[in-house]
Amino acid sequence: MINRDDYLIKDNEVLFTSMGEDAVLLHVQRGDYYSLNRVGARLWLLTDGSKKICDLATEITHEFDITQEEAEKDIIELAEQLAKEGLVKVGETPQDDQASPGSA
């Protein structure tokens, strides 16, 4: 189970592109597309492998009208979905962002 002290690490096979306030992720190897709303898109941009989920939630609360508790819950839910689809990995230690090809 993912918790607030875990780190999110982007898969280096995932490309990201903005579409207005929303975004699309493409898993290059599988050719699968995924859409993110504006909060999810912002979270993707903030995720660099060096911040805990609780730290990402704090940054989200500064930009959106949401409490820390709500942000952590929503981020964990999204992280579980992204991990299930192989778009991110979850770790107990920080890692450098491996998604350099992930910007379009």
C-alpha atoms as a PDB file:
ATOM      1  CA  MET A   1       0.000   0.000   0.000  1.00  0.00           C
ATOM      2  CA  ILE A   2       1.222   3.469  -0.880  1.00  0.00           C
ATOM      3  CA  ASN A   3       1.599   5.937   1.984  1.00  0.00           C
ATOM      4  CA  ARG A   4       2.379   9.623   2.474  1.00  0.00           C
ATOM      5  CA  ASP A   5       6.096   8.996   3.092  1.00  0.00           C
ATOM      6  CA  ASP A   6       6.663   7.164  -0.220  1.00  0.00           C
ATOM      7  CA  TYR A   7       8.322   8.696  -3.264  1.00  0.00           C
ATOM      8  CA  LEU A   8       6.915   8.643  -6.803  1.00  0.00           C
ATOM      9  CA  ILE A   9       9.334   7.838  -9.623  1.00  0.00           C
ATOM     10  CA  LYS A  10       8.209   8.335 -13.223  1.00  0.00           C
ATOM     11  CA  ASP A  11       8.791   5.502 -15.687  1.00  0.00           C
ATOM     12  CA  ASN A  12      11.300   6.664 -18.297  1.00  0.00           C
ATOM     13  CA  GLU A  13       9.106   5.215 -21.073  1.00  0.00           C
ATOM     14  CA  VAL A  14       6.317   7.724 -20.422  1.00  0.00           C
ATOM     15  CA  LEU A  15       5.927  10.917 -22.436  1.00  0.00           C
ATOM     16  CA  PHE A  16       3.926  13.883 -21.171  1.00  0.00           C
ATOM     17  CA  THR A  17       2.242  16.656 -23.113  1.00  0.00           C
ATOM     18  CA  SER A  18       0.014  19.499 -21.943  1.00  0.00           C
ATOM     19  CA  MET A  19      -3.383  20.039 -23.494  1.00  0.00           C
ATOM     20  CA  GLY A  20      -4.582  23.307 -22.023  1.00  0.00           C
ATOM     21  CA  GLU A  21      -4.909  22.733 -18.296  1.00  0.00           C
ATOM     22  CA  ASP A  22      -5.090  18.964 -18.764  1.00  0.00           C
ATOM     23  CA  ALA A  23      -2.407  16.576 -19.961  1.00  0.00           C
ATOM     24  CA  VAL A  24      -1.868  13.308 -21.762  1.00  0.00           C
ATOM     25  CA  LEU A  25       0.610  10.594 -20.866  1.00  0.00           C
ATOM     26  CA  LEU A  26       1.849   8.118 -23.469  1.00  0.00           C
ATOM     27  CA  HIS A  27       3.573   4.894 -22.513  1.00  0.00           C
ATOM     28  CA  VAL A  28       5.976   4.621 -25.445  1.00  0.00           C
ATOM     29  CA  GLN A  29       6.530   0.852 -25.425  1.00  0.00           C
ATOM     30  CA  ARG A  30       2.860  -0.080 -25.116  1.00  0.00           C
ATOM     31  CA  GLY A  31       1.367   2.842 -27.050  1.00  0.00           C
ATOM     32  CA  ASP A  32      -1.219   3.431 -24.327  1.00  0.00           C
ATOM     33  CA  TYR A  33      -2.558   6.946 -23.670  1.00  0.00           C
ATOM     34  CA  TYR A  34      -3.764   8.273 -20.338  1.00  0.00           C
ATOM     35  CA  SER A  35      -5.369  11.620 -19.543  1.00  0.00           C
ATOM     36  CA  LEU A  36      -4.828  13.740 -16.448  1.00  0.00           C
ATOM     37  CA  ASN A  37      -6.906  16.653 -15.199  1.00  0.00           C
ATOM     38  CA  ARG A  38      -5.148  19.898 -14.311  1.00  0.00           C
ATOM     39  CA  VAL A  39      -4.309  18.801 -10.761  1.00  0.00           C
ATOM     40  CA  GLY A  40      -2.977  15.463 -12.012  1.00  0.00           C
ATOM     41  CA  ALA A  41      -0.988  17.253 -14.708  1.00  0.00           C
ATOM     42  CA  ARG A  42       0.539  19.587 -12.131  1.00  0.00           C
ATOM     43  CA  LEU A  43       1.354  16.624  -9.904  1.00  0.00           C
ATOM     44  CA  TRP A  44       3.099  14.921 -12.833  1.00  0.00           C
ATOM     45  CA  LEU A  45       5.250  18.001 -13.363  1.00  0.00           C
ATOM     46  CA  LEU A  46       6.115  18.220  -9.662  1.00  0.00           C
ATOM     47  CA  THR A  47       7.023  14.535  -9.443  1.00  0.00           C
ATOM     48  CA  ASP A  48      10.771  14.203  -9.753  1.00  0.00           C
ATOM     49  CA  GLY A  49      11.536  11.241  -7.511  1.00  0.00           C
ATOM     50  CA  SER A  50      12.971  13.447  -4.766  1.00  0.00           C
ATOM     51  CA  LYS A  51       9.779  14.460  -2.959  1.00  0.00           C
ATOM     52  CA  LYS A  52       7.612  12.403  -0.639  1.00  0.00           C
ATOM     53  CA  ILE A  53       3.899  12.242  -1.366  1.00  0.00           C
ATOM     54  CA  CYS A  54       3.265  14.456   1.683  1.00  0.00           C
ATOM     55  CA  ASP A  55       5.647  17.068   0.211  1.00  0.00           C
ATOM     56  CA  LEU A  56       3.917  16.901  -3.176  1.00  0.00           C
ATOM     57  CA  ALA A  57       0.604  17.351  -1.374  1.00  0.00           C
ATOM     58  CA  THR A  58       1.920  20.462   0.371  1.00  0.00           C
ATOM     59  CA  GLU A  59       2.890  21.977  -2.980  1.00  0.00           C
ATOM     60  CA  ILE A  60      -0.544  21.104  -4.419  1.00  0.00           C
ATOM     61  CA  THR A  61      -2.300  22.803  -1.476  1.00  0.00           C
ATOM     62  CA  HIS A  62      -0.455  26.043  -2.261  1.00  0.00           C
ATOM     63  CA  GLU A  63      -1.801  26.020  -5.833  1.00  0.00           C
ATOM     64  CA  PHE A  64      -5.290  24.535  -5.462  1.00  0.00           C
ATOM     65  CA  ASP A  65      -8.109  24.932  -2.967  1.00  0.00           C
ATOM     66  CA  ILE A  66      -7.610  21.642  -1.136  1.00  0.00           C
ATOM     67  CA  THR A  67      -6.507  20.595   2.342  1.00  0.00           C
ATOM     68  CA  GLN A  68      -3.313  18.684   3.053  1.00  0.00           C
ATOM     69  CA  GLU A  69      -5.296  15.601   4.059  1.00  0.00           C
ATOM     70  CA  GLU A  70      -7.425  15.700   0.888  1.00  0.00           C
ATOM     71  CA  ALA A  71      -4.364  16.269  -1.289  1.00  0.00           C
ATOM     72  CA  GLU A  72      -2.509  13.318   0.230  1.00  0.00           C
ATOM     73  CA  LYS A  73      -5.548  11.058  -0.189  1.00  0.00           C
ATOM     74  CA  ASP A  74      -6.062  12.117  -3.812  1.00  0.00           C
ATOM     75  CA  ILE A  75      -2.366  11.792  -4.663  1.00  0.00           C
ATOM     76  CA  ILE A  76      -2.213   8.303  -3.143  1.00  0.00           C
ATOM     77  CA  GLU A  77      -5.292   7.270  -5.156  1.00  0.00           C
ATOM     78  CA  LEU A  78      -3.775   8.635  -8.374  1.00  0.00           C
ATOM     79  CA  ALA A  79      -0.383   7.092  -7.554  1.00  0.00           C
ATOM     80  CA  GLU A  80      -2.033   3.692  -7.115  1.00  0.00           C
ATOM     81  CA  GLN A  81      -3.696   4.013 -10.534  1.00  0.00           C
ATOM     82  CA  LEU A  82      -0.497   5.232 -12.215  1.00  0.00           C
ATOM     83  CA  ALA A  83       1.544   2.457 -10.580  1.00  0.00           C
ATOM     84  CA  LYS A  84      -1.015  -0.159 -11.657  1.00  0.00           C
ATOM     85  CA  GLU A  85      -0.625   1.074 -15.255  1.00  0.00           C
ATOM     86  CA  GLY A  86       3.180   1.059 -14.989  1.00  0.00           C
ATOM     87  CA  LEU A  87       3.525   4.823 -15.362  1.00  0.00           C
ATOM     88  CA  VAL A  88       5.233   5.375 -12.013  1.00  0.00           C
ATOM     89  CA  LYS A  89       7.049   3.343  -9.423  1.00  0.00           C
ATOM     90  CA  VAL A  90       6.716   3.907  -5.718  1.00  0.00           C
ATOM     91  CA  GLY A  91       9.768   3.857  -3.504  1.00  0.00           C
ATOM     92  CA  GLU A  92      10.726   4.321   0.108  1.00  0.00           C
ATOM     93  CA  THR A  93      13.834   6.330  -0.804  1.00  0.00           C
ATOM     94  CA  PRO A  94      14.310   9.331  -3.105  1.00  0.00           C
ATOM     95  CA  GLN A  95      15.584   8.863  -6.641  1.00  0.00           C
ATOM     96  CA  ASP A  96      16.644  11.195  -9.417  1.00  0.00           C
ATOM     97  CA  ASP A  97      14.032  11.858 -12.085  1.00  0.00           C
ATOM     98  CA  GLN A  98      14.517   9.220 -14.750  1.00  0.00           C
ATOM     99  CA  ALA A  99      11.886  10.693 -17.088  1.00  0.00           C
ATOM    100  CA  SER A 100      14.030  13.055 -19.112  1.00  0.00           C
ATOM    101  CA  PRO A 101      12.432  11.880 -22.363  1.00  0.00           C
ATOM    102  CA  GLY A 102       9.040  12.448 -20.741  1.00  0.00           C
ATOM    103  CA  SER A 103       8.458  16.036 -21.853  1.00  0.00           C
ATOM    104  CA  ALA A 104       6.964  16.902 -25.171  1.00  0.00           C
END
